[in-house]
Structures are given as structure tokens and as C-alpha cells.
Amino acid sequence: MAMTEAGLRRCVAAWPGVTLDVKWQDHLVACVDGRMFAMLNLPRSAHPDWLHFKVEDDLFLALTEQPGIMPAPYLARARWVTVTEPRRYPQDWTVARLRRAYELVAARLSKKRQRELGLWSA
């Protein structure tokens, strides 16, 4: 099932430090403490429903070899992938990938900032 704007908001909005904002007129961007971890193309974009998110370095190649997933344009260097065929993947898989993207980015915040945001056992 494809992730919708409402679905992305429901999924990530309650996580500590997360903000959601529309950028570049047609992308809903999820950030933790101002750092992007996921992005959804909105219906008015050239590729509606495409979902982009950060992944672990060692998972990047394995994921981009799967059908319906490619290196994210402009963000592949930072190990981001784009799910071009979101209906291929179950909702729980997508939610788990988004949570992991959030954790990867949040882990790069300073320990002090992690404590201020109330992240895990910072």
C-alpha cells in the first residue's frame, strides 16, 4: 500500500523532535531536529507517491537491487533510497523503514540534543 500524506503524518508526527513541512512545493519532508530523514512526493508532483528515506550504508545496495526501489535522486550519496512502486511493499515494512531512517538521523545528533528531545536512552 502506498504511503499517503495523512499516513506519513500519522506515522512519524509523534516521534520526538519530528517536524513535517512541505518543501519545493510538492514534497512532504519529515525531519528530526531539522535534519531530513524521509520525504514523500505529494499528488501534484511529477512522481506522486514516491517515498524517499535514509537507509544504513550496508543495506543501500541490497535495497536498490529490489524491484520498485532505486537510489534517491540527489540524495543517493547520503544513502537514501526512493520507493518508486510503493504498492509492492506492505505498510509494516514501510513503517519499519521510516522508523529506522528516523533512528539513523537522530543518532547523529549530539548526546545533549538527544537528551533535550527525549530520545531513547541518550
PDB file of N, CA and C in Angstrom:
ATOM      1  N   MET A   1       0.843  -1.184   0.000  1.00  0.00           N
ATOM      2  CA  MET A   1       0.000   0.000   0.000  1.00  0.00           C
ATOM      3  C   MET A   1       0.887   1.245   0.000  1.00  0.00           C
ATOM      4  N   ALA A   2       0.535   2.205  -0.793  1.00  0.00           N
ATOM      5  CA  ALA A   2       1.308   3.447  -0.885  1.00  0.00           C
ATOM      6  C   ALA A   2       1.114   4.293   0.368  1.00  0.00           C
ATOM      7  N   MET A   3       2.157   4.959   0.770  1.00  0.00           N
ATOM      8  CA  MET A   3       2.080   5.882   1.895  1.00  0.00           C
ATOM      9  C   MET A   3       1.429   7.167   1.404  1.00  0.00           C
ATOM     10  N   THR A   4       0.441   7.642   2.133  1.00  0.00           N
ATOM     11  CA  THR A   4      -0.223   8.898   1.790  1.00  0.00           C
ATOM     12  C   THR A   4       0.330  10.009   2.671  1.00  0.00           C
ATOM     13  N   GLU A   5      -0.040  11.230   2.333  1.00  0.00           N
ATOM     14  CA  GLU A   5       0.371  12.362   3.168  1.00  0.00           C
ATOM     15  C   GLU A   5      -0.156  12.184   4.584  1.00  0.00           C
ATOM     16  N   ALA A   6      -1.426  11.837   4.721  1.00  0.00           N
ATOM     17  CA  ALA A   6      -2.011  11.632   6.054  1.00  0.00           C
ATOM     18  C   ALA A   6      -1.341  10.463   6.762  1.00  0.00           C
ATOM     19  N   GLY A   7      -1.029   9.417   6.024  1.00  0.00           N
ATOM     20  CA  GLY A   7      -0.367   8.259   6.615  1.00  0.00           C
ATOM     21  C   GLY A   7       1.019   8.587   7.129  1.00  0.00           C
ATOM     22  N   LEU A   8       1.777   9.356   6.361  1.00  0.00           N
ATOM     23  CA  LEU A   8       3.114   9.754   6.809  1.00  0.00           C
ATOM     24  C   LEU A   8       3.009  10.620   8.050  1.00  0.00           C
ATOM     25  N   ARG A   9       2.080  11.541   8.044  1.00  0.00           N
ATOM     26  CA  ARG A   9       1.897  12.394   9.224  1.00  0.00           C
ATOM     27  C   ARG A   9       1.563  11.558  10.454  1.00  0.00           C
ATOM     28  N   ARG A  10       0.623  10.622  10.312  1.00  0.00           N
ATOM     29  CA  ARG A  10       0.252   9.761  11.449  1.00  0.00           C
ATOM     30  C   ARG A  10       1.427   8.916  11.916  1.00  0.00           C
ATOM     31  N   CYS A  11       2.201   8.430  10.973  1.00  0.00           N
ATOM     32  CA  CYS A  11       3.298   7.524  11.281  1.00  0.00           C
ATOM     33  C   CYS A  11       4.406   8.193  12.089  1.00  0.00           C
ATOM     34  N   VAL A  12       4.823   9.385  11.688  1.00  0.00           N
ATOM     35  CA  VAL A  12       6.039   9.969  12.263  1.00  0.00           C
ATOM     36  C   VAL A  12       5.815  11.149  13.207  1.00  0.00           C
ATOM     37  N   ALA A  13       4.644  11.748  13.190  1.00  0.00           N
ATOM     38  CA  ALA A  13       4.420  13.000  13.933  1.00  0.00           C
ATOM     39  C   ALA A  13       4.638  12.868  15.433  1.00  0.00           C
ATOM     40  N   ALA A  14       4.389  11.711  16.011  1.00  0.00           N
ATOM     41  CA  ALA A  14       4.512  11.547  17.459  1.00  0.00           C
ATOM     42  C   ALA A  14       5.940  11.240  17.908  1.00  0.00           C
ATOM     43  N   TRP A  15       6.834  10.975  16.982  1.00  0.00           N
ATOM     44  CA  TRP A  15       8.210  10.661  17.358  1.00  0.00           C
ATOM     45  C   TRP A  15       8.905  11.926  17.847  1.00  0.00           C
ATOM     46  N   PRO A  16       9.706  11.830  18.902  1.00  0.00           N
ATOM     47  CA  PRO A  16      10.353  13.019  19.486  1.00  0.00           C
ATOM     48  C   PRO A  16      11.191  13.799  18.472  1.00  0.00           C
ATOM     49  N   GLY A  17      10.986  15.114  18.462  1.00  0.00           N
ATOM     50  CA  GLY A  17      11.791  16.006  17.636  1.00  0.00           C
ATOM     51  C   GLY A  17      11.385  16.085  16.179  1.00  0.00           C
ATOM     52  N   VAL A  18      10.320  15.385  15.780  1.00  0.00           N
ATOM     53  CA  VAL A  18       9.933  15.348  14.366  1.00  0.00           C
ATOM     54  C   VAL A  18       9.103  16.570  13.993  1.00  0.00           C
ATOM     55  N   THR A  19       9.434  17.130  12.845  1.00  0.00           N
ATOM     56  CA  THR A  19       8.625  18.171  12.219  1.00  0.00           C
ATOM     57  C   THR A  19       8.335  17.728  10.791  1.00  0.00           C
ATOM     58  N   LEU A  20       7.211  18.173  10.287  1.00  0.00           N
ATOM     59  CA  LEU A  20       6.810  17.890   8.904  1.00  0.00           C
ATOM     60  C   LEU A  20       6.545  19.213   8.211  1.00  0.00           C
ATOM     61  N   ASP A  21       7.052  19.335   7.001  1.00  0.00           N
ATOM     62  CA  ASP A  21       6.929  20.590   6.282  1.00  0.00           C
ATOM     63  C   ASP A  21       6.897  20.298   4.783  1.00  0.00           C
ATOM     64  N   VAL A  22       6.142  21.067   4.043  1.00  0.00           N
ATOM     65  CA  VAL A  22       6.146  20.948   2.590  1.00  0.00           C
ATOM     66  C   VAL A  22       7.293  21.801   2.061  1.00  0.00           C
ATOM     67  N   LYS A  23       8.155  21.168   1.281  1.00  0.00           N
ATOM     68  CA  LYS A  23       9.296  21.859   0.672  1.00  0.00           C
ATOM     69  C   LYS A  23       9.231  21.654  -0.841  1.00  0.00           C
ATOM     70  N   TRP A  24       9.811  22.581  -1.549  1.00  0.00           N
ATOM     71  CA  TRP A  24       9.886  22.525  -3.005  1.00  0.00           C
ATOM     72  C   TRP A  24       8.492  22.368  -3.614  1.00  0.00           C
ATOM     73  N   GLN A  25       7.495  22.899  -2.985  1.00  0.00           N
ATOM     74  CA  GLN A  25       6.093  22.941  -3.405  1.00  0.00           C
ATOM     75  C   GLN A  25       5.370  21.605  -3.452  1.00  0.00           C
ATOM     76  N   ASP A  26       6.090  20.492  -3.580  1.00  0.00           N
ATOM     77  CA  ASP A  26       5.373  19.234  -3.761  1.00  0.00           C
ATOM     78  C   ASP A  26       5.986  18.033  -3.052  1.00  0.00           C
ATOM     79  N   HIS A  27       6.728  18.295  -1.971  1.00  0.00           N
ATOM     80  CA  HIS A  27       7.314  17.214  -1.183  1.00  0.00           C
ATOM     81  C   HIS A  27       7.010  17.443   0.297  1.00  0.00           C
ATOM     82  N   LEU A  28       6.455  16.429   0.951  1.00  0.00           N
ATOM     83  CA  LEU A  28       6.273  16.474   2.397  1.00  0.00           C
ATOM     84  C   LEU A  28       7.529  15.888   3.013  1.00  0.00           C
ATOM     85  N   VAL A  29       8.247  16.700   3.781  1.00  0.00           N
ATOM     86  CA  VAL A  29       9.543  16.307   4.322  1.00  0.00           C
ATOM     87  C   VAL A  29       9.440  16.113   5.831  1.00  0.00           C
ATOM     88  N   ALA A  30       9.940  14.963   6.291  1.00  0.00           N
ATOM     89  CA  ALA A  30       9.988  14.655   7.717  1.00  0.00           C
ATOM     90  C   ALA A  30      11.414  14.867   8.199  1.00  0.00           C
ATOM     91  N   CYS A  31      11.548  15.651   9.274  1.00  0.00           N
ATOM     92  CA  CYS A  31      12.857  15.958   9.846  1.00  0.00           C
ATOM     93  C   CYS A  31      12.859  15.637  11.332  1.00  0.00           C
ATOM     94  N   VAL A  32      14.029  15.321  11.853  1.00  0.00           N
ATOM     95  CA  VAL A  32      14.224  15.238  13.289  1.00  0.00           C
ATOM     96  C   VAL A  32      15.256  16.307  13.624  1.00  0.00           C
ATOM     97  N   ASP A  33      14.845  17.228  14.474  1.00  0.00           N
ATOM     98  CA  ASP A  33      15.684  18.369  14.854  1.00  0.00           C
ATOM     99  C   ASP A  33      16.227  19.093  13.615  1.00  0.00           C
ATOM    100  N   GLY A  34      15.383  19.238  12.596  1.00  0.00           N
ATOM    101  CA  GLY A  34      15.757  19.965  11.390  1.00  0.00           C
ATOM    102  C   GLY A  34      16.529  19.173  10.359  1.00  0.00           C
ATOM    103  N   ARG A  35      16.785  17.890  10.614  1.00  0.00           N
ATOM    104  CA  ARG A  35      17.535  17.059   9.667  1.00  0.00           C
ATOM    105  C   ARG A  35      16.593  16.072   8.994  1.00  0.00           C
ATOM    106  N   MET A  36      16.586  16.084   7.670  1.00  0.00           N
ATOM    107  CA  MET A  36      15.667  15.234   6.910  1.00  0.00           C
ATOM    108  C   MET A  36      15.967  13.754   7.115  1.00  0.00           C
ATOM    109  N   PHE A  37      14.890  12.970   7.247  1.00  0.00           N
ATOM    110  CA  PHE A  37      15.046  11.516   7.257  1.00  0.00           C
ATOM    111  C   PHE A  37      14.087  10.828   6.292  1.00  0.00           C
ATOM    112  N   ALA A  38      13.049  11.526   5.836  1.00  0.00           N
ATOM    113  CA  ALA A  38      12.113  10.938   4.883  1.00  0.00           C
ATOM    114  C   ALA A  38      11.416  12.039   4.098  1.00  0.00           C
ATOM    115  N   MET A  39      10.928  11.660   2.920  1.00  0.00           N
ATOM    116  CA  MET A  39      10.248  12.634   2.073  1.00  0.00           C
ATOM    117  C   MET A  39       9.244  11.882   1.204  1.00  0.00           C
ATOM    118  N   LEU A  40       8.069  12.469   1.060  1.00  0.00           N
ATOM    119  CA  LEU A  40       7.011  11.888   0.243  1.00  0.00           C
ATOM    120  C   LEU A  40       6.639  12.859  -0.867  1.00  0.00           C
ATOM    121  N   ASN A  41       6.615  12.374  -2.109  1.00  0.00           N
ATOM    122  CA  ASN A  41       6.139  13.206  -3.209  1.00  0.00           C
ATOM    123  C   ASN A  41       4.627  13.339  -3.082  1.00  0.00           C
ATOM    124  N   LEU A  42       4.145  14.565  -3.088  1.00  0.00           N
ATOM    125  CA  LEU A  42       2.717  14.815  -2.979  1.00  0.00           C
ATOM    126  C   LEU A  42       2.026  14.610  -4.322  1.00  0.00           C
ATOM    127  N   PRO A  43       0.692  14.505  -4.339  1.00  0.00           N
ATOM    128  CA  PRO A  43      -0.026  14.203  -5.579  1.00  0.00           C
ATOM    129  C   PRO A  43       0.263  15.153  -6.738  1.00  0.00           C
ATOM    130  N   ARG A  44       0.600  16.401  -6.455  1.00  0.00           N
ATOM    131  CA  ARG A  44       0.844  17.356  -7.545  1.00  0.00           C
ATOM    132  C   ARG A  44       2.267  17.269  -8.113  1.00  0.00           C
ATOM    133  N   SER A  45       3.108  16.386  -7.580  1.00  0.00           N
ATOM    134  CA  SER A  45       4.487  16.264  -8.071  1.00  0.00           C
ATOM    135  C   SER A  45       4.528  15.423  -9.351  1.00  0.00           C
ATOM    136  N   ALA A  46       5.681  15.427  -9.991  1.00  0.00           N
ATOM    137  CA  ALA A  46       5.856  14.653 -11.224  1.00  0.00           C
ATOM    138  C   ALA A  46       5.718  13.152 -10.978  1.00  0.00           C
ATOM    139  N   HIS A  47       6.089  12.698  -9.804  1.00  0.00           N
ATOM    140  CA  HIS A  47       6.021  11.275  -9.460  1.00  0.00           C
ATOM    141  C   HIS A  47       5.287  11.111  -8.129  1.00  0.00           C
ATOM    142  N   PRO A  48       3.970  11.254  -8.136  1.00  0.00           N
ATOM    143  CA  PRO A  48       3.226  11.166  -6.884  1.00  0.00           C
ATOM    144  C   PRO A  48       3.417   9.811  -6.208  1.00  0.00           C
ATOM    145  N   ASP A  49       3.418   9.845  -4.896  1.00  0.00           N
ATOM    146  CA  ASP A  49       3.522   8.657  -4.039  1.00  0.00           C
ATOM    147  C   ASP A  49       4.927   8.080  -3.906  1.00  0.00           C
ATOM    148  N   TRP A  50       5.900   8.621  -4.606  1.00  0.00           N
ATOM    149  CA  TRP A  50       7.253   8.129  -4.389  1.00  0.00           C
ATOM    150  C   TRP A  50       7.659   8.500  -2.970  1.00  0.00           C
ATOM    151  N   LEU A  51       8.277   7.557  -2.289  1.00  0.00           N
ATOM    152  CA  LEU A  51       8.722   7.751  -0.913  1.00  0.00           C
ATOM    153  C   LEU A  51      10.234   7.629  -0.878  1.00  0.00           C
ATOM    154  N   HIS A  52      10.886   8.576  -0.236  1.00  0.00           N
ATOM    155  CA  HIS A  52      12.349   8.613  -0.149  1.00  0.00           C
ATOM    156  C   HIS A  52      12.733   8.577   1.327  1.00  0.00           C
ATOM    157  N   PHE A  53      13.787   7.826   1.665  1.00  0.00           N
ATOM    158  CA  PHE A  53      14.239   7.802   3.056  1.00  0.00           C
ATOM    159  C   PHE A  53      15.678   7.318   3.149  1.00  0.00           C
ATOM    160  N   LYS A  54      16.285   7.626   4.273  1.00  0.00           N
ATOM    161  CA  LYS A  54      17.663   7.242   4.547  1.00  0.00           C
ATOM    162  C   LYS A  54      17.713   5.780   4.973  1.00  0.00           C
ATOM    163  N   VAL A  55      18.780   5.083   4.585  1.00  0.00           N
ATOM    164  CA  VAL A  55      18.982   3.691   4.995  1.00  0.00           C
ATOM    165  C   VAL A  55      20.424   3.500   5.463  1.00  0.00           C
ATOM    166  N   GLU A  56      20.662   2.382   6.114  1.00  0.00           N
ATOM    167  CA  GLU A  56      22.020   2.035   6.529  1.00  0.00           C
ATOM    168  C   GLU A  56      22.901   1.844   5.302  1.00  0.00           C
ATOM    169  N   ASP A  57      24.178   2.173   5.443  1.00  0.00           N
ATOM    170  CA  ASP A  57      25.111   2.018   4.332  1.00  0.00           C
ATOM    171  C   ASP A  57      25.096   0.601   3.783  1.00  0.00           C
ATOM    172  N   ASP A  58      25.127  -0.411   4.669  1.00  0.00           N
ATOM    173  CA  ASP A  58      25.218  -1.795   4.210  1.00  0.00           C
ATOM    174  C   ASP A  58      23.905  -2.335   3.643  1.00  0.00           C
ATOM    175  N   LEU A  59      22.813  -1.615   3.791  1.00  0.00           N
ATOM    176  CA  LEU A  59      21.531  -2.028   3.239  1.00  0.00           C
ATOM    177  C   LEU A  59      21.219  -1.325   1.915  1.00  0.00           C
ATOM    178  N   PHE A  60      21.929  -0.254   1.642  1.00  0.00           N
ATOM    179  CA  PHE A  60      21.661   0.568   0.465  1.00  0.00           C
ATOM    180  C   PHE A  60      21.668  -0.251  -0.834  1.00  0.00           C
ATOM    181  N   LEU A  61      22.734  -0.990  -1.083  1.00  0.00           N
ATOM    182  CA  LEU A  61      22.837  -1.750  -2.338  1.00  0.00           C
ATOM    183  C   LEU A  61      21.792  -2.852  -2.414  1.00  0.00           C
ATOM    184  N   ALA A  62      21.563  -3.537  -1.318  1.00  0.00           N
ATOM    185  CA  ALA A  62      20.571  -4.614  -1.315  1.00  0.00           C
ATOM    186  C   ALA A  62      19.179  -4.073  -1.633  1.00  0.00           C
ATOM    187  N   LEU A  63      18.834  -2.943  -1.053  1.00  0.00           N
ATOM    188  CA  LEU A  63      17.513  -2.372  -1.311  1.00  0.00           C
ATOM    189  C   LEU A  63      17.376  -1.880  -2.745  1.00  0.00           C
ATOM    190  N   THR A  64      18.417  -1.234  -3.253  1.00  0.00           N
ATOM    191  CA  THR A  64      18.305  -0.674  -4.608  1.00  0.00           C
ATOM    192  C   THR A  64      18.318  -1.755  -5.689  1.00  0.00           C
ATOM    193  N   GLU A  65      18.608  -2.987  -5.320  1.00  0.00           N
ATOM    194  CA  GLU A  65      18.509  -4.101  -6.263  1.00  0.00           C
ATOM    195  C   GLU A  65      17.103  -4.703  -6.276  1.00  0.00           C
ATOM    196  N   GLN A  66      16.251  -4.275  -5.365  1.00  0.00           N
ATOM    197  CA  GLN A  66      14.878  -4.779  -5.298  1.00  0.00           C
ATOM    198  C   GLN A  66      14.006  -4.064  -6.322  1.00  0.00           C
ATOM    199  N   PRO A  67      12.981  -4.756  -6.835  1.00  0.00           N
ATOM    200  CA  PRO A  67      12.078  -4.089  -7.775  1.00  0.00           C
ATOM    201  C   PRO A  67      11.332  -2.951  -7.091  1.00  0.00           C
ATOM    202  N   GLY A  68      11.202  -1.841  -7.802  1.00  0.00           N
ATOM    203  CA  GLY A  68      10.460  -0.709  -7.274  1.00  0.00           C
ATOM    204  C   GLY A  68      11.228   0.168  -6.306  1.00  0.00           C
ATOM    205  N   ILE A  69      12.546  -0.053  -6.189  1.00  0.00           N
ATOM    206  CA  ILE A  69      13.387   0.784  -5.316  1.00  0.00           C
ATOM    207  C   ILE A  69      14.630   1.175  -6.110  1.00  0.00           C
ATOM    208  N   MET A  70      15.009   2.450  -6.018  1.00  0.00           N
ATOM    209  CA  MET A  70      16.200   2.939  -6.715  1.00  0.00           C
ATOM    210  C   MET A  70      16.952   3.913  -5.803  1.00  0.00           C
ATOM    211  N   PRO A  71      18.205   4.199  -6.121  1.00  0.00           N
ATOM    212  CA  PRO A  71      18.906   5.240  -5.375  1.00  0.00           C
ATOM    213  C   PRO A  71      18.142   6.557  -5.511  1.00  0.00           C
ATOM    214  N   ALA A  72      18.034   7.286  -4.443  1.00  0.00           N
ATOM    215  CA  ALA A  72      17.277   8.541  -4.456  1.00  0.00           C
ATOM    216  C   ALA A  72      18.034   9.604  -5.248  1.00  0.00           C
ATOM    217  N   PRO A  73      17.349  10.234  -6.211  1.00  0.00           N
ATOM    218  CA  PRO A  73      18.000  11.316  -6.948  1.00  0.00           C
ATOM    219  C   PRO A  73      18.501  12.401  -5.988  1.00  0.00           C
ATOM    220  N   TYR A  74      19.697  12.846  -6.201  1.00  0.00           N
ATOM    221  CA  TYR A  74      20.359  13.903  -5.425  1.00  0.00           C
ATOM    222  C   TYR A  74      20.740  13.485  -4.006  1.00  0.00           C
ATOM    223  N   LEU A  75      20.204  12.388  -3.495  1.00  0.00           N
ATOM    224  CA  LEU A  75      20.473  12.006  -2.100  1.00  0.00           C
ATOM    225  C   LEU A  75      21.128  10.633  -1.972  1.00  0.00           C
ATOM    226  N   ALA A  76      21.407   9.978  -3.064  1.00  0.00           N
ATOM    227  CA  ALA A  76      21.996   8.638  -3.009  1.00  0.00           C
ATOM    228  C   ALA A  76      23.358   8.643  -2.318  1.00  0.00           C
ATOM    229  N   ARG A  77      24.118   9.718  -2.485  1.00  0.00           N
ATOM    230  CA  ARG A  77      25.433   9.800  -1.811  1.00  0.00           C
ATOM    231  C   ARG A  77      25.301   9.686  -0.313  1.00  0.00           C
ATOM    232  N   ALA A  78      24.184  10.173   0.214  1.00  0.00           N
ATOM    233  CA  ALA A  78      23.924  10.113   1.654  1.00  0.00           C
ATOM    234  C   ALA A  78      23.170   8.843   2.031  1.00  0.00           C
ATOM    235  N   ARG A  79      23.110   7.896   1.109  1.00  0.00           N
ATOM    236  CA  ARG A  79      22.461   6.597   1.309  1.00  0.00           C
ATOM    237  C   ARG A  79      20.957   6.719   1.535  1.00  0.00           C
ATOM    238  N   TRP A  80      20.317   7.395   0.610  1.00  0.00           N
ATOM    239  CA  TRP A  80      18.864   7.487   0.569  1.00  0.00           C
ATOM    240  C   TRP A  80      18.370   6.644  -0.596  1.00  0.00           C
ATOM    241  N   VAL A  81      17.213   6.029  -0.419  1.00  0.00           N
ATOM    242  CA  VAL A  81      16.570   5.273  -1.483  1.00  0.00           C
ATOM    243  C   VAL A  81      15.220   5.899  -1.807  1.00  0.00           C
ATOM    244  N   THR A  82      14.717   5.590  -2.989  1.00  0.00           N
ATOM    245  CA  THR A  82      13.388   6.013  -3.419  1.00  0.00           C
ATOM    246  C   THR A  82      12.573   4.770  -3.728  1.00  0.00           C
ATOM    247  N   VAL A  83      11.427   4.678  -3.102  1.00  0.00           N
ATOM    248  CA  VAL A  83      10.492   3.599  -3.405  1.00  0.00           C
ATOM    249  C   VAL A  83       9.572   4.132  -4.506  1.00  0.00           C
ATOM    250  N   THR A  84       9.785   3.642  -5.721  1.00  0.00           N
ATOM    251  CA  THR A  84       9.031   4.116  -6.880  1.00  0.00           C
ATOM    252  C   THR A  84       7.737   3.341  -7.092  1.00  0.00           C
ATOM    253  N   GLU A  85       7.658   2.169  -6.491  1.00  0.00           N
ATOM    254  CA  GLU A  85       6.457   1.342  -6.587  1.00  0.00           C
ATOM    255  C   GLU A  85       5.999   0.969  -5.177  1.00  0.00           C
ATOM    256  N   PRO A  86       5.457   1.931  -4.447  1.00  0.00           N
ATOM    257  CA  PRO A  86       5.155   1.694  -3.032  1.00  0.00           C
ATOM    258  C   PRO A  86       4.125   0.594  -2.789  1.00  0.00           C
ATOM    259  N   ARG A  87       3.297   0.294  -3.751  1.00  0.00           N
ATOM    260  CA  ARG A  87       2.284  -0.746  -3.552  1.00  0.00           C
ATOM    261  C   ARG A  87       2.886  -2.147  -3.480  1.00  0.00           C
ATOM    262  N   ARG A  88       4.127  -2.303  -3.889  1.00  0.00           N
ATOM    263  CA  ARG A  88       4.821  -3.597  -3.811  1.00  0.00           C
ATOM    264  C   ARG A  88       5.137  -3.999  -2.372  1.00  0.00           C
ATOM    265  N   TYR A  89       5.195  -3.032  -1.484  1.00  0.00           N
ATOM    266  CA  TYR A  89       5.703  -3.281  -0.137  1.00  0.00           C
ATOM    267  C   TYR A  89       4.603  -3.078   0.899  1.00  0.00           C
ATOM    268  N   PRO A  90       4.524  -3.991   1.872  1.00  0.00           N
ATOM    269  CA  PRO A  90       3.471  -3.867   2.892  1.00  0.00           C
ATOM    270  C   PRO A  90       3.676  -2.648   3.784  1.00  0.00           C
ATOM    271  N   GLN A  91       2.592  -2.180   4.340  1.00  0.00           N
ATOM    272  CA  GLN A  91       2.610  -0.993   5.214  1.00  0.00           C
ATOM    273  C   GLN A  91       3.585  -1.164   6.373  1.00  0.00           C
ATOM    274  N   ASP A  92       3.611  -2.342   7.003  1.00  0.00           N
ATOM    275  CA  ASP A  92       4.504  -2.526   8.147  1.00  0.00           C
ATOM    276  C   ASP A  92       5.971  -2.451   7.741  1.00  0.00           C
ATOM    277  N   TRP A  93       6.308  -2.893   6.533  1.00  0.00           N
ATOM    278  CA  TRP A  93       7.675  -2.765   6.026  1.00  0.00           C
ATOM    279  C   TRP A  93       8.028  -1.286   5.881  1.00  0.00           C
ATOM    280  N   THR A  94       7.111  -0.518   5.319  1.00  0.00           N
ATOM    281  CA  THR A  94       7.336   0.910   5.106  1.00  0.00           C
ATOM    282  C   THR A  94       7.498   1.631   6.434  1.00  0.00           C
ATOM    283  N   VAL A  95       6.646   1.355   7.382  1.00  0.00           N
ATOM    284  CA  VAL A  95       6.729   1.996   8.697  1.00  0.00           C
ATOM    285  C   VAL A  95       8.052   1.644   9.376  1.00  0.00           C
ATOM    286  N   ALA A  96       8.466   0.392   9.286  1.00  0.00           N
ATOM    287  CA  ALA A  96       9.745  -0.018   9.889  1.00  0.00           C
ATOM    288  C   ALA A  96      10.919   0.703   9.231  1.00  0.00           C
ATOM    289  N   ARG A  97      10.882   0.871   7.917  1.00  0.00           N
ATOM    290  CA  ARG A  97      11.956   1.575   7.210  1.00  0.00           C
ATOM    291  C   ARG A  97      11.988   3.046   7.609  1.00  0.00           C
ATOM    292  N   LEU A  98      10.816   3.663   7.755  1.00  0.00           N
ATOM    293  CA  LEU A  98      10.760   5.063   8.184  1.00  0.00           C
ATOM    294  C   LEU A  98      11.298   5.215   9.602  1.00  0.00           C
ATOM    295  N   ARG A  99      10.932   4.293  10.476  1.00  0.00           N
ATOM    296  CA  ARG A  99      11.427   4.355  11.863  1.00  0.00           C
ATOM    297  C   ARG A  99      12.945   4.224  11.883  1.00  0.00           C
ATOM    298  N   ARG A 100      13.478   3.314  11.066  1.00  0.00           N
ATOM    299  CA  ARG A 100      14.926   3.135  11.022  1.00  0.00           C
ATOM    300  C   ARG A 100      15.610   4.378  10.461  1.00  0.00           C
ATOM    301  N   ALA A 101      15.020   5.009   9.454  1.00  0.00           N
ATOM    302  CA  ALA A 101      15.576   6.248   8.901  1.00  0.00           C
ATOM    303  C   ALA A 101      15.623   7.321   9.979  1.00  0.00           C
ATOM    304  N   TYR A 102      14.554   7.439  10.746  1.00  0.00           N
ATOM    305  CA  TYR A 102      14.490   8.382  11.860  1.00  0.00           C
ATOM    306  C   TYR A 102      15.613   8.098  12.868  1.00  0.00           C
ATOM    307  N   GLU A 103      15.767   6.838  13.237  1.00  0.00           N
ATOM    308  CA  GLU A 103      16.796   6.457  14.217  1.00  0.00           C
ATOM    309  C   GLU A 103      18.196   6.764  13.706  1.00  0.00           C
ATOM    310  N   LEU A 104      18.447   6.509  12.425  1.00  0.00           N
ATOM    311  CA  LEU A 104      19.772   6.781  11.859  1.00  0.00           C
ATOM    312  C   LEU A 104      20.119   8.257  11.940  1.00  0.00           C
ATOM    313  N   VAL A 105      19.173   9.105  11.602  1.00  0.00           N
ATOM    314  CA  VAL A 105      19.424  10.545  11.618  1.00  0.00           C
ATOM    315  C   VAL A 105      19.483  11.058  13.058  1.00  0.00           C
ATOM    316  N   ALA A 106      18.583  10.610  13.904  1.00  0.00           N
ATOM    317  CA  ALA A 106      18.575  11.056  15.302  1.00  0.00           C
ATOM    318  C   ALA A 106      19.847  10.636  16.036  1.00  0.00           C
ATOM    319  N   ALA A 107      20.406   9.493  15.680  1.00  0.00           N
ATOM    320  CA  ALA A 107      21.632   9.011  16.326  1.00  0.00           C
ATOM    321  C   ALA A 107      22.823   9.912  16.035  1.00  0.00           C
ATOM    322  N   ARG A 108      22.745  10.706  14.986  1.00  0.00           N
ATOM    323  CA  ARG A 108      23.846  11.610  14.638  1.00  0.00           C
ATOM    324  C   ARG A 108      23.769  12.940  15.359  1.00  0.00           C
ATOM    325  N   LEU A 109      22.683  13.169  16.086  1.00  0.00           N
ATOM    326  CA  LEU A 109      22.571  14.387  16.899  1.00  0.00           C
ATOM    327  C   LEU A 109      23.495  14.247  18.107  1.00  0.00           C
ATOM    328  N   SER A 110      23.862  15.357  18.675  1.00  0.00           N
ATOM    329  CA  SER A 110      24.708  15.290  19.862  1.00  0.00           C
ATOM    330  C   SER A 110      23.942  14.607  20.993  1.00  0.00           C
ATOM    331  N   LYS A 111      24.660  13.996  21.911  1.00  0.00           N
ATOM    332  CA  LYS A 111      24.024  13.332  23.060  1.00  0.00           C
ATOM    333  C   LYS A 111      23.195  14.336  23.852  1.00  0.00           C
ATOM    334  N   LYS A 112      23.710  15.546  23.962  1.00  0.00           N
ATOM    335  CA  LYS A 112      22.978  16.593  24.686  1.00  0.00           C
ATOM    336  C   LYS A 112      21.642  16.871  23.999  1.00  0.00           C
ATOM    337  N   ARG A 113      21.673  17.011  22.684  1.00  0.00           N
ATOM    338  CA  ARG A 113      20.439  17.297  21.946  1.00  0.00           C
ATOM    339  C   ARG A 113      19.479  16.110  22.000  1.00  0.00           C
ATOM    340  N   GLN A 114      20.008  14.904  21.949  1.00  0.00           N
ATOM    341  CA  GLN A 114      19.161  13.720  22.077  1.00  0.00           C
ATOM    342  C   GLN A 114      18.431  13.724  23.428  1.00  0.00           C
ATOM    343  N   ARG A 115      19.150  14.086  24.489  1.00  0.00           N
ATOM    344  CA  ARG A 115      18.513  14.170  25.819  1.00  0.00           C
ATOM    345  C   ARG A 115      17.438  15.254  25.838  1.00  0.00           C
ATOM    346  N   GLU A 116      17.759  16.415  25.244  1.00  0.00           N
ATOM    347  CA  GLU A 116      16.785  17.521  25.220  1.00  0.00           C
ATOM    348  C   GLU A 116      15.512  17.140  24.482  1.00  0.00           C
ATOM    349  N   LEU A 117      15.635  16.346  23.451  1.00  0.00           N
ATOM    350  CA  LEU A 117      14.468  15.912  22.673  1.00  0.00           C
ATOM    351  C   LEU A 117      13.746  14.719  23.300  1.00  0.00           C
ATOM    352  N   GLY A 118      14.361  14.117  24.302  1.00  0.00           N
ATOM    353  CA  GLY A 118      13.753  12.956  24.948  1.00  0.00           C
ATOM    354  C   GLY A 118      13.882  11.686  24.135  1.00  0.00           C
ATOM    355  N   LEU A 119      14.933  11.594  23.342  1.00  0.00           N
ATOM    356  CA  LEU A 119      15.164  10.393  22.541  1.00  0.00           C
ATOM    357  C   LEU A 119      15.701   9.287  23.424  1.00  0.00           C
ATOM    358  N   TRP A 120      15.336   8.057  23.094  1.00  0.00           N
ATOM    359  CA  TRP A 120      15.772   6.853  23.800  1.00  0.00           C
ATOM    360  C   TRP A 120      16.704   7.123  24.953  1.00  0.00           C
ATOM    361  N   SER A 121      17.604   6.265  25.280  1.00  0.00           N
ATOM    362  CA  SER A 121      18.490   6.476  26.440  1.00  0.00           C
ATOM    363  C   SER A 121      19.741   7.213  25.995  1.00  0.00           C
ATOM    364  N   ALA A 122      19.574   8.493  25.696  1.00  0.00           N
ATOM    365  CA  ALA A 122      20.670   9.304  25.157  1.00  0.00           C
ATOM    366  C   ALA A 122      21.732   9.509  26.180  1.00  0.00           C
TER     367      ALA A 122
END
